[in-house]
């Protein structure tokens, strides 16, 4: 990765692992993030439940989506922090995606590119 590259690292993790991932990102010098509650479906098996006498299947599981945009911090450090903080060793631990960012502009200062990140 060249010094002018901006990347977005997106992690889909279990909700109960958010605290561990946040701490790991602080230690990796990437404390800025956006966090969203999402539902998803992957290799984690569906769960059956019962409500008011009716059986139902839950195949969309609650997840947390973490987005971290980096320019100065190495992407590999961010990936490692999310992976290590989120890992339980069971199905449903989540996924990490890395996307290129074409540009960035800081609203308050008007800085652009890597300086805005």
PDB file of N, CA and C in Angstrom:
ATOM      1  N   UNK A   1       0.846  -1.185   0.000  1.00  0.00           N
ATOM      2  CA  UNK A   1       0.000   0.000   0.000  1.00  0.00           C
ATOM      3  C   UNK A   1       0.887   1.242   0.000  1.00  0.00           C
ATOM      4  N   UNK A   2       0.663   2.153  -0.922  1.00  0.00           N
ATOM      5  CA  UNK A   2       1.432   3.390  -0.928  1.00  0.00           C
ATOM      6  C   UNK A   2       0.888   4.327   0.144  1.00  0.00           C
ATOM      7  N   UNK A   3       1.657   5.358   0.480  1.00  0.00           N
ATOM      8  CA  UNK A   3       1.276   6.255   1.579  1.00  0.00           C
ATOM      9  C   UNK A   3       0.036   7.074   1.261  1.00  0.00           C
ATOM     10  N   UNK A   4      -0.324   7.225  -0.004  1.00  0.00           N
ATOM     11  CA  UNK A   4      -1.488   8.032  -0.356  1.00  0.00           C
ATOM     12  C   UNK A   4      -2.758   7.205  -0.469  1.00  0.00           C
ATOM     13  N   UNK A   5      -2.658   5.907  -0.300  1.00  0.00           N
ATOM     14  CA  UNK A   5      -3.844   5.053  -0.389  1.00  0.00           C
ATOM     15  C   UNK A   5      -4.741   5.245   0.827  1.00  0.00           C
ATOM     16  N   UNK A   6      -6.028   5.285   0.567  1.00  0.00           N
ATOM     17  CA  UNK A   6      -7.021   5.318   1.635  1.00  0.00           C
ATOM     18  C   UNK A   6      -7.842   4.051   1.484  1.00  0.00           C
ATOM     19  N   UNK A   7      -8.016   3.325   2.568  1.00  0.00           N
ATOM     20  CA  UNK A   7      -8.775   2.081   2.547  1.00  0.00           C
ATOM     21  C   UNK A   7      -9.870   2.124   3.602  1.00  0.00           C
ATOM     22  N   UNK A   8     -10.972   1.429   3.306  1.00  0.00           N
ATOM     23  CA  UNK A   8     -12.015   1.240   4.294  1.00  0.00           C
ATOM     24  C   UNK A   8     -12.020  -0.244   4.664  1.00  0.00           C
ATOM     25  N   UNK A   9     -11.893  -0.508   5.947  1.00  0.00           N
ATOM     26  CA  UNK A   9     -11.957  -1.867   6.460  1.00  0.00           C
ATOM     27  C   UNK A   9     -13.326  -2.025   7.110  1.00  0.00           C
ATOM     28  N   UNK A  10     -14.088  -3.010   6.629  1.00  0.00           N
ATOM     29  CA  UNK A  10     -15.440  -3.257   7.128  1.00  0.00           C
ATOM     30  C   UNK A  10     -15.449  -4.617   7.806  1.00  0.00           C
ATOM     31  N   UNK A  11     -15.855  -4.629   9.063  1.00  0.00           N
ATOM     32  CA  UNK A  11     -15.939  -5.879   9.804  1.00  0.00           C
ATOM     33  C   UNK A  11     -17.365  -6.145  10.241  1.00  0.00           C
ATOM     34  N   UNK A  12     -17.820  -7.370  10.043  1.00  0.00           N
ATOM     35  CA  UNK A  12     -19.127  -7.823  10.531  1.00  0.00           C
ATOM     36  C   UNK A  12     -18.840  -8.772  11.691  1.00  0.00           C
ATOM     37  N   UNK A  13     -19.238  -8.388  12.902  1.00  0.00           N
ATOM     38  CA  UNK A  13     -18.859  -9.162  14.086  1.00  0.00           C
ATOM     39  C   UNK A  13     -20.070  -9.433  14.975  1.00  0.00           C
ATOM     40  N   UNK A  14     -19.875 -10.315  15.955  1.00  0.00           N
ATOM     41  CA  UNK A  14     -20.898 -10.582  16.960  1.00  0.00           C
ATOM     42  C   UNK A  14     -21.037  -9.351  17.866  1.00  0.00           C
ATOM     43  N   UNK A  15     -22.264  -9.019  18.270  1.00  0.00           N
ATOM     44  CA  UNK A  15     -22.464  -7.841  19.122  1.00  0.00           C
ATOM     45  C   UNK A  15     -21.676  -7.891  20.434  1.00  0.00           C
ATOM     46  N   UNK A  16     -21.542  -9.060  21.022  1.00  0.00           N
ATOM     47  CA  UNK A  16     -20.863  -9.160  22.309  1.00  0.00           C
ATOM     48  C   UNK A  16     -19.347  -8.987  22.206  1.00  0.00           C
ATOM     49  N   UNK A  17     -18.793  -8.923  21.008  1.00  0.00           N
ATOM     50  CA  UNK A  17     -17.354  -8.753  20.821  1.00  0.00           C
ATOM     51  C   UNK A  17     -16.969  -7.310  20.515  1.00  0.00           C
ATOM     52  N   UNK A  18     -17.937  -6.390  20.497  1.00  0.00           N
ATOM     53  CA  UNK A  18     -17.659  -4.993  20.144  1.00  0.00           C
ATOM     54  C   UNK A  18     -16.629  -4.364  21.083  1.00  0.00           C
ATOM     55  N   UNK A  19     -16.762  -4.563  22.367  1.00  0.00           N
ATOM     56  CA  UNK A  19     -15.820  -3.974  23.320  1.00  0.00           C
ATOM     57  C   UNK A  19     -14.396  -4.440  23.079  1.00  0.00           C
ATOM     58  N   UNK A  20     -14.223  -5.734  22.819  1.00  0.00           N
ATOM     59  CA  UNK A  20     -12.894  -6.281  22.556  1.00  0.00           C
ATOM     60  C   UNK A  20     -12.304  -5.704  21.268  1.00  0.00           C
ATOM     61  N   UNK A  21     -13.140  -5.559  20.242  1.00  0.00           N
ATOM     62  CA  UNK A  21     -12.666  -5.012  18.969  1.00  0.00           C
ATOM     63  C   UNK A  21     -12.301  -3.540  19.121  1.00  0.00           C
ATOM     64  N   UNK A  22     -13.119  -2.777  19.835  1.00  0.00           N
ATOM     65  CA  UNK A  22     -12.805  -1.358  20.058  1.00  0.00           C
ATOM     66  C   UNK A  22     -11.462  -1.212  20.754  1.00  0.00           C
ATOM     67  N   UNK A  23     -11.227  -2.004  21.790  1.00  0.00           N
ATOM     68  CA  UNK A  23      -9.953  -1.939  22.511  1.00  0.00           C
ATOM     69  C   UNK A  23      -8.788  -2.317  21.610  1.00  0.00           C
ATOM     70  N   UNK A  24      -8.956  -3.345  20.805  1.00  0.00           N
ATOM     71  CA  UNK A  24      -7.899  -3.777  19.890  1.00  0.00           C
ATOM     72  C   UNK A  24      -7.591  -2.700  18.853  1.00  0.00           C
ATOM     73  N   UNK A  25      -8.618  -1.996  18.375  1.00  0.00           N
ATOM     74  CA  UNK A  25      -8.393  -0.922  17.399  1.00  0.00           C
ATOM     75  C   UNK A  25      -7.676   0.262  18.036  1.00  0.00           C
ATOM     76  N   UNK A  26      -7.982   0.576  19.274  1.00  0.00           N
ATOM     77  CA  UNK A  26      -7.257   1.642  19.977  1.00  0.00           C
ATOM     78  C   UNK A  26      -5.779   1.276  20.079  1.00  0.00           C
ATOM     79  N   UNK A  27      -5.499   0.022  20.440  1.00  0.00           N
ATOM     80  CA  UNK A  27      -4.117  -0.430  20.563  1.00  0.00           C
ATOM     81  C   UNK A  27      -3.400  -0.452  19.208  1.00  0.00           C
ATOM     82  N   UNK A  28      -4.152  -0.609  18.107  1.00  0.00           N
ATOM     83  CA  UNK A  28      -3.569  -0.610  16.759  1.00  0.00           C
ATOM     84  C   UNK A  28      -3.460   0.802  16.190  1.00  0.00           C
ATOM     85  N   UNK A  29      -3.771   1.814  17.004  1.00  0.00           N
ATOM     86  CA  UNK A  29      -3.710   3.223  16.593  1.00  0.00           C
ATOM     87  C   UNK A  29      -4.722   3.546  15.494  1.00  0.00           C
ATOM     88  N   UNK A  30      -5.908   2.933  15.578  1.00  0.00           N
ATOM     89  CA  UNK A  30      -7.005   3.202  14.638  1.00  0.00           C
ATOM     90  C   UNK A  30      -8.309   3.332  15.429  1.00  0.00           C
ATOM     91  N   UNK A  31      -8.415   4.336  16.318  1.00  0.00           N
ATOM     92  CA  UNK A  31      -9.576   4.425  17.205  1.00  0.00           C
ATOM     93  C   UNK A  31     -10.852   4.947  16.548  1.00  0.00           C
ATOM     94  N   UNK A  32     -10.763   5.591  15.383  1.00  0.00           N
ATOM     95  CA  UNK A  32     -11.949   6.164  14.735  1.00  0.00           C
ATOM     96  C   UNK A  32     -12.707   5.082  13.979  1.00  0.00           C
ATOM     97  N   UNK A  33     -14.024   5.023  14.192  1.00  0.00           N
ATOM     98  CA  UNK A  33     -14.822   3.992  13.533  1.00  0.00           C
ATOM     99  C   UNK A  33     -16.272   4.422  13.487  1.00  0.00           C
ATOM    100  N   UNK A  34     -17.013   3.776  12.611  1.00  0.00           N
ATOM    101  CA  UNK A  34     -18.461   3.900  12.555  1.00  0.00           C
ATOM    102  C   UNK A  34     -19.028   2.533  12.868  1.00  0.00           C
ATOM    103  N   UNK A  35     -20.037   2.498  13.746  1.00  0.00           N
ATOM    104  CA  UNK A  35     -20.624   1.231  14.174  1.00  0.00           C
ATOM    105  C   UNK A  35     -22.112   1.247  13.866  1.00  0.00           C
ATOM    106  N   UNK A  36     -22.605   0.166  13.246  1.00  0.00           N
ATOM    107  CA  UNK A  36     -24.004   0.046  12.867  1.00  0.00           C
ATOM    108  C   UNK A  36     -24.529  -1.320  13.287  1.00  0.00           C
ATOM    109  N   UNK A  37     -25.767  -1.366  13.803  1.00  0.00           N
ATOM    110  CA  UNK A  37     -26.423  -2.645  14.070  1.00  0.00           C
ATOM    111  C   UNK A  37     -27.026  -3.153  12.772  1.00  0.00           C
ATOM    112  N   UNK A  38     -26.709  -4.393  12.407  1.00  0.00           N
ATOM    113  CA  UNK A  38     -27.216  -4.982  11.173  1.00  0.00           C
ATOM    114  C   UNK A  38     -27.677  -6.412  11.449  1.00  0.00           C
ATOM    115  N   UNK A  39     -28.391  -6.984  10.503  1.00  0.00           N
ATOM    116  CA  UNK A  39     -28.768  -8.394  10.546  1.00  0.00           C
ATOM    117  C   UNK A  39     -28.158  -9.068   9.339  1.00  0.00           C
ATOM    118  N   UNK A  40     -27.738 -10.318   9.505  1.00  0.00           N
ATOM    119  CA  UNK A  40     -27.116 -10.998   8.388  1.00  0.00           C
ATOM    120  C   UNK A  40     -27.285 -12.493   8.463  1.00  0.00           C
ATOM    121  N   UNK A  41     -26.874 -13.124   7.374  1.00  0.00           N
ATOM    122  CA  UNK A  41     -27.017 -14.566   7.258  1.00  0.00           C
ATOM    123  C   UNK A  41     -25.770 -15.100   6.585  1.00  0.00           C
ATOM    124  N   UNK A  42     -25.190 -16.138   7.172  1.00  0.00           N
ATOM    125  CA  UNK A  42     -23.989 -16.736   6.616  1.00  0.00           C
ATOM    126  C   UNK A  42     -23.943 -18.201   6.974  1.00  0.00           C
ATOM    127  N   UNK A  43     -22.795 -18.658   7.454  1.00  0.00           N
ATOM    128  CA  UNK A  43     -22.637 -20.077   7.764  1.00  0.00           C
ATOM    129  C   UNK A  43     -23.202 -20.445   9.136  1.00  0.00           C
ATOM    130  N   UNK A  44     -23.552 -19.444   9.924  1.00  0.00           N
ATOM    131  CA  UNK A  44     -24.126 -19.699  11.246  1.00  0.00           C
ATOM    132  C   UNK A  44     -25.490 -20.364  11.088  1.00  0.00           C
ATOM    133  N   UNK A  45     -25.746 -21.467  11.779  1.00  0.00           N
ATOM    134  CA  UNK A  45     -27.013 -22.185  11.576  1.00  0.00           C
ATOM    135  C   UNK A  45     -28.218 -21.394  12.077  1.00  0.00           C
ATOM    136  N   UNK A  46     -29.368 -21.634  11.437  1.00  0.00           N
ATOM    137  CA  UNK A  46     -30.619 -21.002  11.857  1.00  0.00           C
ATOM    138  C   UNK A  46     -31.022 -21.570  13.217  1.00  0.00           C
ATOM    139  N   UNK A  47     -31.722 -20.756  13.990  1.00  0.00           N
ATOM    140  CA  UNK A  47     -32.198 -21.184  15.301  1.00  0.00           C
ATOM    141  C   UNK A  47     -33.710 -21.223  15.291  1.00  0.00           C
ATOM    142  N   UNK A  48     -34.265 -22.233  15.938  1.00  0.00           N
ATOM    143  CA  UNK A  48     -35.720 -22.347  16.039  1.00  0.00           C
ATOM    144  C   UNK A  48     -36.157 -21.827  17.398  1.00  0.00           C
ATOM    145  N   UNK A  49     -37.296 -21.180  17.396  1.00  0.00           N
ATOM    146  CA  UNK A  49     -37.854 -20.664  18.636  1.00  0.00           C
ATOM    147  C   UNK A  49     -39.354 -20.838  18.643  1.00  0.00           C
ATOM    148  N   UNK A  50     -39.956 -20.474  19.767  1.00  0.00           N
ATOM    149  CA  UNK A  50     -41.401 -20.568  19.880  1.00  0.00           C
ATOM    150  C   UNK A  50     -41.898 -19.300  20.542  1.00  0.00           C
ATOM    151  N   UNK A  51     -42.969 -18.751  19.984  1.00  0.00           N
ATOM    152  CA  UNK A  51     -43.561 -17.543  20.538  1.00  0.00           C
ATOM    153  C   UNK A  51     -45.071 -17.667  20.429  1.00  0.00           C
ATOM    154  N   UNK A  52     -45.749 -17.547  21.562  1.00  0.00           N
ATOM    155  CA  UNK A  52     -47.207 -17.683  21.635  1.00  0.00           C
ATOM    156  C   UNK A  52     -47.698 -18.972  20.981  1.00  0.00           C
ATOM    157  N   UNK A  53     -46.965 -20.041  21.250  1.00  0.00           N
ATOM    158  CA  UNK A  53     -47.367 -21.350  20.737  1.00  0.00           C
ATOM    159  C   UNK A  53     -46.993 -21.629  19.299  1.00  0.00           C
ATOM    160  N   UNK A  54     -46.463 -20.659  18.600  1.00  0.00           N
ATOM    161  CA  UNK A  54     -46.068 -20.836  17.205  1.00  0.00           C
ATOM    162  C   UNK A  54     -44.552 -20.999  17.101  1.00  0.00           C
ATOM    163  N   UNK A  55     -44.126 -21.964  16.305  1.00  0.00           N
ATOM    164  CA  UNK A  55     -42.705 -22.155  16.070  1.00  0.00           C
ATOM    165  C   UNK A  55     -42.248 -21.239  14.937  1.00  0.00           C
ATOM    166  N   UNK A  56     -41.057 -20.665  15.088  1.00  0.00           N
ATOM    167  CA  UNK A  56     -40.500 -19.808  14.040  1.00  0.00           C
ATOM    168  C   UNK A  56     -39.006 -20.087  13.910  1.00  0.00           C
ATOM    169  N   UNK A  57     -38.446 -19.677  12.785  1.00  0.00           N
ATOM    170  CA  UNK A  57     -37.023 -19.883  12.510  1.00  0.00           C
ATOM    171  C   UNK A  57     -36.346 -18.522  12.398  1.00  0.00           C
ATOM    172  N   UNK A  58     -35.241 -18.371  13.107  1.00  0.00           N
ATOM    173  CA  UNK A  58     -34.439 -17.154  13.020  1.00  0.00           C
ATOM    174  C   UNK A  58     -33.228 -17.482  12.163  1.00  0.00           C
ATOM    175  N   UNK A  59     -33.197 -16.961  10.938  1.00  0.00           N
ATOM    176  CA  UNK A  59     -32.047 -17.204  10.076  1.00  0.00           C
ATOM    177  C   UNK A  59     -31.286 -15.923   9.746  1.00  0.00           C
ATOM    178  N   UNK A  60     -31.770 -14.793  10.252  1.00  0.00           N
ATOM    179  CA  UNK A  60     -31.012 -13.540  10.165  1.00  0.00           C
ATOM    180  C   UNK A  60     -30.530 -13.231  11.578  1.00  0.00           C
ATOM    181  N   UNK A  61     -29.213 -13.216  11.754  1.00  0.00           N
ATOM    182  CA  UNK A  61     -28.619 -13.032  13.071  1.00  0.00           C
ATOM    183  C   UNK A  61     -28.162 -11.590  13.259  1.00  0.00           C
ATOM    184  N   UNK A  62     -28.268 -11.099  14.476  1.00  0.00           N
ATOM    185  CA  UNK A  62     -27.832  -9.748  14.790  1.00  0.00           C
ATOM    186  C   UNK A  62     -26.309  -9.681  14.720  1.00  0.00           C
ATOM    187  N   UNK A  63     -25.800  -8.673  14.043  1.00  0.00           N
ATOM    188  CA  UNK A  63     -24.369  -8.441  13.913  1.00  0.00           C
ATOM    189  C   UNK A  63     -24.087  -6.964  14.117  1.00  0.00           C
ATOM    190  N   UNK A  64     -22.831  -6.641  14.304  1.00  0.00           N
ATOM    191  CA  UNK A  64     -22.362  -5.268  14.367  1.00  0.00           C
ATOM    192  C   UNK A  64     -21.462  -5.048  13.158  1.00  0.00           C
ATOM    193  N   UNK A  65     -21.712  -3.968  12.429  1.00  0.00           N
ATOM    194  CA  UNK A  65     -20.870  -3.603  11.285  1.00  0.00           C
ATOM    195  C   UNK A  65     -19.957  -2.470  11.731  1.00  0.00           C
ATOM    196  N   UNK A  66     -18.656  -2.700  11.625  1.00  0.00           N
ATOM    197  CA  UNK A  66     -17.658  -1.695  11.991  1.00  0.00           C
ATOM    198  C   UNK A  66     -16.970  -1.239  10.718  1.00  0.00           C
ATOM    199  N   UNK A  67     -16.913   0.074  10.523  1.00  0.00           N
ATOM    200  CA  UNK A  67     -16.218   0.645   9.367  1.00  0.00           C
ATOM    201  C   UNK A  67     -15.076   1.518   9.876  1.00  0.00           C
ATOM    202  N   UNK A  68     -13.868   1.237   9.390  1.00  0.00           N
ATOM    203  CA  UNK A  68     -12.686   1.992   9.775  1.00  0.00           C
ATOM    204  C   UNK A  68     -12.003   2.449   8.494  1.00  0.00           C
ATOM    205  N   UNK A  69     -11.832   3.758   8.340  1.00  0.00           N
ATOM    206  CA  UNK A  69     -11.138   4.305   7.177  1.00  0.00           C
ATOM    207  C   UNK A  69      -9.736   4.702   7.617  1.00  0.00           C
ATOM    208  N   UNK A  70      -8.723   4.188   6.900  1.00  0.00           N
ATOM    209  CA  UNK A  70      -7.338   4.437   7.298  1.00  0.00           C
ATOM    210  C   UNK A  70      -6.510   4.935   6.125  1.00  0.00           C
ATOM    211  N   UNK A  71      -5.538   5.776   6.456  1.00  0.00           N
ATOM    212  CA  UNK A  71      -4.564   6.237   5.474  1.00  0.00           C
ATOM    213  C   UNK A  71      -3.160   6.069   6.047  1.00  0.00           C
ATOM    214  N   UNK A  72      -2.973   6.429   7.317  1.00  0.00           N
ATOM    215  CA  UNK A  72      -1.653   6.362   7.947  1.00  0.00           C
ATOM    216  C   UNK A  72      -1.412   5.033   8.655  1.00  0.00           C
ATOM    217  N   UNK A  73      -2.450   4.460   9.211  1.00  0.00           N
ATOM    218  CA  UNK A  73      -2.324   3.186   9.919  1.00  0.00           C
ATOM    219  C   UNK A  73      -2.317   2.049   8.898  1.00  0.00           C
ATOM    220  N   UNK A  74      -1.385   1.118   9.009  1.00  0.00           N
ATOM    221  CA  UNK A  74      -1.361  -0.011   8.066  1.00  0.00           C
ATOM    222  C   UNK A  74      -2.649  -0.829   8.116  1.00  0.00           C
ATOM    223  N   UNK A  75      -3.183  -1.144   6.950  1.00  0.00           N
ATOM    224  CA  UNK A  75      -4.434  -1.900   6.850  1.00  0.00           C
ATOM    225  C   UNK A  75      -4.301  -3.255   7.534  1.00  0.00           C
ATOM    226  N   UNK A  76      -3.146  -3.889   7.401  1.00  0.00           N
ATOM    227  CA  UNK A  76      -2.952  -5.198   8.019  1.00  0.00           C
ATOM    228  C   UNK A  76      -3.097  -5.141   9.536  1.00  0.00           C
ATOM    229  N   UNK A  77      -2.681  -4.022  10.159  1.00  0.00           N
ATOM    230  CA  UNK A  77      -2.829  -3.865  11.612  1.00  0.00           C
ATOM    231  C   UNK A  77      -4.301  -3.769  12.000  1.00  0.00           C
ATOM    232  N   UNK A  78      -5.093  -3.074  11.184  1.00  0.00           N
ATOM    233  CA  UNK A  78      -6.520  -2.926  11.463  1.00  0.00           C
ATOM    234  C   UNK A  78      -7.227  -4.272  11.297  1.00  0.00           C
ATOM    235  N   UNK A  79      -6.898  -4.990  10.240  1.00  0.00           N
ATOM    236  CA  UNK A  79      -7.489  -6.311  10.017  1.00  0.00           C
ATOM    237  C   UNK A  79      -7.161  -7.238  11.183  1.00  0.00           C
ATOM    238  N   UNK A  80      -5.912  -7.237  11.593  1.00  0.00           N
ATOM    239  CA  UNK A  80      -5.485  -8.097  12.702  1.00  0.00           C
ATOM    240  C   UNK A  80      -6.207  -7.730  13.995  1.00  0.00           C
ATOM    241  N   UNK A  81      -6.383  -6.428  14.252  1.00  0.00           N
ATOM    242  CA  UNK A  81      -7.067  -5.987  15.468  1.00  0.00           C
ATOM    243  C   UNK A  81      -8.522  -6.456  15.480  1.00  0.00           C
ATOM    244  N   UNK A  82      -9.218  -6.292  14.361  1.00  0.00           N
ATOM    245  CA  UNK A  82     -10.619  -6.729  14.293  1.00  0.00           C
ATOM    246  C   UNK A  82     -10.692  -8.248  14.420  1.00  0.00           C
ATOM    247  N   UNK A  83      -9.833  -8.956  13.687  1.00  0.00           N
ATOM    248  CA  UNK A  83      -9.848 -10.416  13.723  1.00  0.00           C
ATOM    249  C   UNK A  83      -9.579 -10.945  15.131  1.00  0.00           C
ATOM    250  N   UNK A  84      -8.546 -10.424  15.778  1.00  0.00           N
ATOM    251  CA  UNK A  84      -8.184 -10.917  17.105  1.00  0.00           C
ATOM    252  C   UNK A  84      -9.230 -10.545  18.155  1.00  0.00           C
ATOM    253  N   UNK A  85      -9.815  -9.351  18.039  1.00  0.00           N
ATOM    254  CA  UNK A  85     -10.827  -8.928  19.003  1.00  0.00           C
ATOM    255  C   UNK A  85     -12.149  -9.646  18.842  1.00  0.00           C
ATOM    256  N   UNK A  86     -12.474 -10.085  17.625  1.00  0.00           N
ATOM    257  CA  UNK A  86     -13.784 -10.679  17.342  1.00  0.00           C
ATOM    258  C   UNK A  86     -13.798 -12.198  17.383  1.00  0.00           C
ATOM    259  N   UNK A  87     -12.649 -12.831  17.362  1.00  0.00           N
ATOM    260  CA  UNK A  87     -12.579 -14.284  17.224  1.00  0.00           C
ATOM    261  C   UNK A  87     -13.048 -15.019  18.484  1.00  0.00           C
ATOM    262  N   UNK A  88     -13.981 -15.971  18.278  1.00  0.00           N
ATOM    263  CA  UNK A  88     -14.374 -16.901  19.331  1.00  0.00           C
ATOM    264  C   UNK A  88     -14.019 -18.328  18.927  1.00  0.00           C
ATOM    265  N   UNK A  89     -13.794 -18.546  17.634  1.00  0.00           N
ATOM    266  CA  UNK A  89     -13.500 -19.878  17.131  1.00  0.00           C
ATOM    267  C   UNK A  89     -14.732 -20.662  16.722  1.00  0.00           C
ATOM    268  N   UNK A  90     -15.902 -20.034  16.798  1.00  0.00           N
ATOM    269  CA  UNK A  90     -17.157 -20.696  16.442  1.00  0.00           C
ATOM    270  C   UNK A  90     -17.710 -20.110  15.151  1.00  0.00           C
ATOM    271  N   UNK A  91     -18.641 -20.840  14.523  1.00  0.00           N
ATOM    272  CA  UNK A  91     -19.322 -20.300  13.344  1.00  0.00           C
ATOM    273  C   UNK A  91     -20.029 -19.014  13.740  1.00  0.00           C
ATOM    274  N   UNK A  92     -20.048 -18.061  12.795  1.00  0.00           N
ATOM    275  CA  UNK A  92     -20.737 -16.802  13.051  1.00  0.00           C
ATOM    276  C   UNK A  92     -19.854 -15.709  13.613  1.00  0.00           C
ATOM    277  N   UNK A  93     -18.523 -15.935  13.656  1.00  0.00           N
ATOM    278  CA  UNK A  93     -17.609 -14.909  14.148  1.00  0.00           C
ATOM    279  C   UNK A  93     -17.612 -13.672  13.256  1.00  0.00           C
ATOM    280  N   UNK A  94     -17.889 -13.834  11.968  1.00  0.00           N
ATOM    281  CA  UNK A  94     -17.992 -12.683  11.082  1.00  0.00           C
ATOM    282  C   UNK A  94     -17.003 -12.697   9.941  1.00  0.00           C
ATOM    283  N   UNK A  95     -16.917 -11.560   9.265  1.00  0.00           N
ATOM    284  CA  UNK A  95     -16.045 -11.402   8.106  1.00  0.00           C
ATOM    285  C   UNK A  95     -15.425 -10.005   8.143  1.00  0.00           C
ATOM    286  N   UNK A  96     -14.326  -9.851   7.400  1.00  0.00           N
ATOM    287  CA  UNK A  96     -13.669  -8.554   7.245  1.00  0.00           C
ATOM    288  C   UNK A  96     -13.469  -8.317   5.757  1.00  0.00           C
ATOM    289  N   UNK A  97     -13.822  -7.116   5.304  1.00  0.00           N
ATOM    290  CA  UNK A  97     -13.652  -6.732   3.904  1.00  0.00           C
ATOM    291  C   UNK A  97     -12.796  -5.473   3.844  1.00  0.00           C
ATOM    292  N   UNK A  98     -11.974  -5.353   2.800  1.00  0.00           N
ATOM    293  CA  UNK A  98     -11.159  -4.167   2.587  1.00  0.00           C
ATOM    294  C   UNK A  98     -11.545  -3.571   1.243  1.00  0.00           C
ATOM    295  N   UNK A  99     -11.895  -2.276   1.259  1.00  0.00           N
ATOM    296  CA  UNK A  99     -12.352  -1.587   0.055  1.00  0.00           C
ATOM    297  C   UNK A  99     -11.485  -0.360  -0.209  1.00  0.00           C
ATOM    298  N   UNK A 100     -11.215  -0.038  -1.465  1.00  0.00           N
ATOM    299  CA  UNK A 100     -10.501   1.206  -1.757  1.00  0.00           C
ATOM    300  C   UNK A 100     -11.436   2.401  -1.579  1.00  0.00           C
ATOM    301  N   UNK A 101     -10.871   3.517  -1.154  1.00  0.00           N
ATOM    302  CA  UNK A 101     -11.629   4.763  -1.018  1.00  0.00           C
ATOM    303  C   UNK A 101     -11.048   5.749  -2.019  1.00  0.00           C
ATOM    304  N   UNK A 102     -11.891   6.243  -2.919  1.00  0.00           N
ATOM    305  CA  UNK A 102     -11.410   7.143  -3.974  1.00  0.00           C
ATOM    306  C   UNK A 102     -11.043   8.519  -3.450  1.00  0.00           C
ATOM    307  N   UNK A 103     -11.703   8.973  -2.420  1.00  0.00           N
ATOM    308  CA  UNK A 103     -11.397  10.287  -1.889  1.00  0.00           C
ATOM    309  C   UNK A 103     -12.049  10.501  -0.541  1.00  0.00           C
ATOM    310  N   UNK A 104     -11.568  11.526   0.161  1.00  0.00           N
ATOM    311  CA  UNK A 104     -12.127  11.874   1.459  1.00  0.00           C
ATOM    312  C   UNK A 104     -12.003  13.382   1.636  1.00  0.00           C
ATOM    313  N   UNK A 105     -13.015  13.987   2.241  1.00  0.00           N
ATOM    314  CA  UNK A 105     -12.995  15.413   2.532  1.00  0.00           C
ATOM    315  C   UNK A 105     -13.495  15.624   3.954  1.00  0.00           C
ATOM    316  N   UNK A 106     -12.721  16.330   4.750  1.00  0.00           N
ATOM    317  CA  UNK A 106     -13.144  16.651   6.110  1.00  0.00           C
ATOM    318  C   UNK A 106     -14.010  17.903   6.041  1.00  0.00           C
ATOM    319  N   UNK A 107     -15.223  17.799   6.525  1.00  0.00           N
ATOM    320  CA  UNK A 107     -16.190  18.892   6.396  1.00  0.00           C
ATOM    321  C   UNK A 107     -15.724  20.156   7.122  1.00  0.00           C
ATOM    322  N   UNK A 108     -15.265  20.026   8.364  1.00  0.00           N
ATOM    323  CA  UNK A 108     -14.925  21.196   9.163  1.00  0.00           C
ATOM    324  C   UNK A 108     -13.770  21.992   8.585  1.00  0.00           C
ATOM    325  N   UNK A 109     -12.682  21.296   8.176  1.00  0.00           N
ATOM    326  CA  UNK A 109     -11.479  21.997   7.738  1.00  0.00           C
ATOM    327  C   UNK A 109     -11.331  22.098   6.227  1.00  0.00           C
ATOM    328  N   UNK A 110     -12.047  21.256   5.487  1.00  0.00           N
ATOM    329  CA  UNK A 110     -11.901  21.239   4.045  1.00  0.00           C
ATOM    330  C   UNK A 110     -10.699  20.434   3.570  1.00  0.00           C
ATOM    331  N   UNK A 111      -9.976  19.786   4.492  1.00  0.00           N
ATOM    332  CA  UNK A 111      -8.840  18.943   4.093  1.00  0.00           C
ATOM    333  C   UNK A 111      -9.342  17.822   3.207  1.00  0.00           C
ATOM    334  N   UNK A 112      -8.487  17.400   2.271  1.00  0.00           N
ATOM    335  CA  UNK A 112      -8.858  16.337   1.354  1.00  0.00           C
ATOM    336  C   UNK A 112      -7.788  15.259   1.330  1.00  0.00           C
ATOM    337  N   UNK A 113      -8.190  14.078   0.813  1.00  0.00           N
ATOM    338  CA  UNK A 113      -7.261  12.958   0.686  1.00  0.00           C
ATOM    339  C   UNK A 113      -6.883  12.387   2.033  1.00  0.00           C
ATOM    340  N   UNK A 114      -5.665  11.835   2.133  1.00  0.00           N
ATOM    341  CA  UNK A 114      -5.221  11.200   3.376  1.00  0.00           C
ATOM    342  C   UNK A 114      -5.223  12.145   4.582  1.00  0.00           C
ATOM    343  N   UNK A 115      -5.029  13.439   4.339  1.00  0.00           N
ATOM    344  CA  UNK A 115      -5.052  14.408   5.462  1.00  0.00           C
ATOM    345  C   UNK A 115      -6.439  14.488   6.105  1.00  0.00           C
ATOM    346  N   UNK A 116      -7.484  14.196   5.341  1.00  0.00           N
ATOM    347  CA  UNK A 116      -8.850  14.262   5.869  1.00  0.00           C
ATOM    348  C   UNK A 116      -9.174  13.071   6.759  1.00  0.00           C
ATOM    349  N   UNK A 117      -8.438  11.997   6.592  1.00  0.00           N
ATOM    350  CA  UNK A 117      -8.712  10.777   7.349  1.00  0.00           C
ATOM    351  C   UNK A 117      -8.098  10.925   8.722  1.00  0.00           C
TER     352      UNK A 117
END
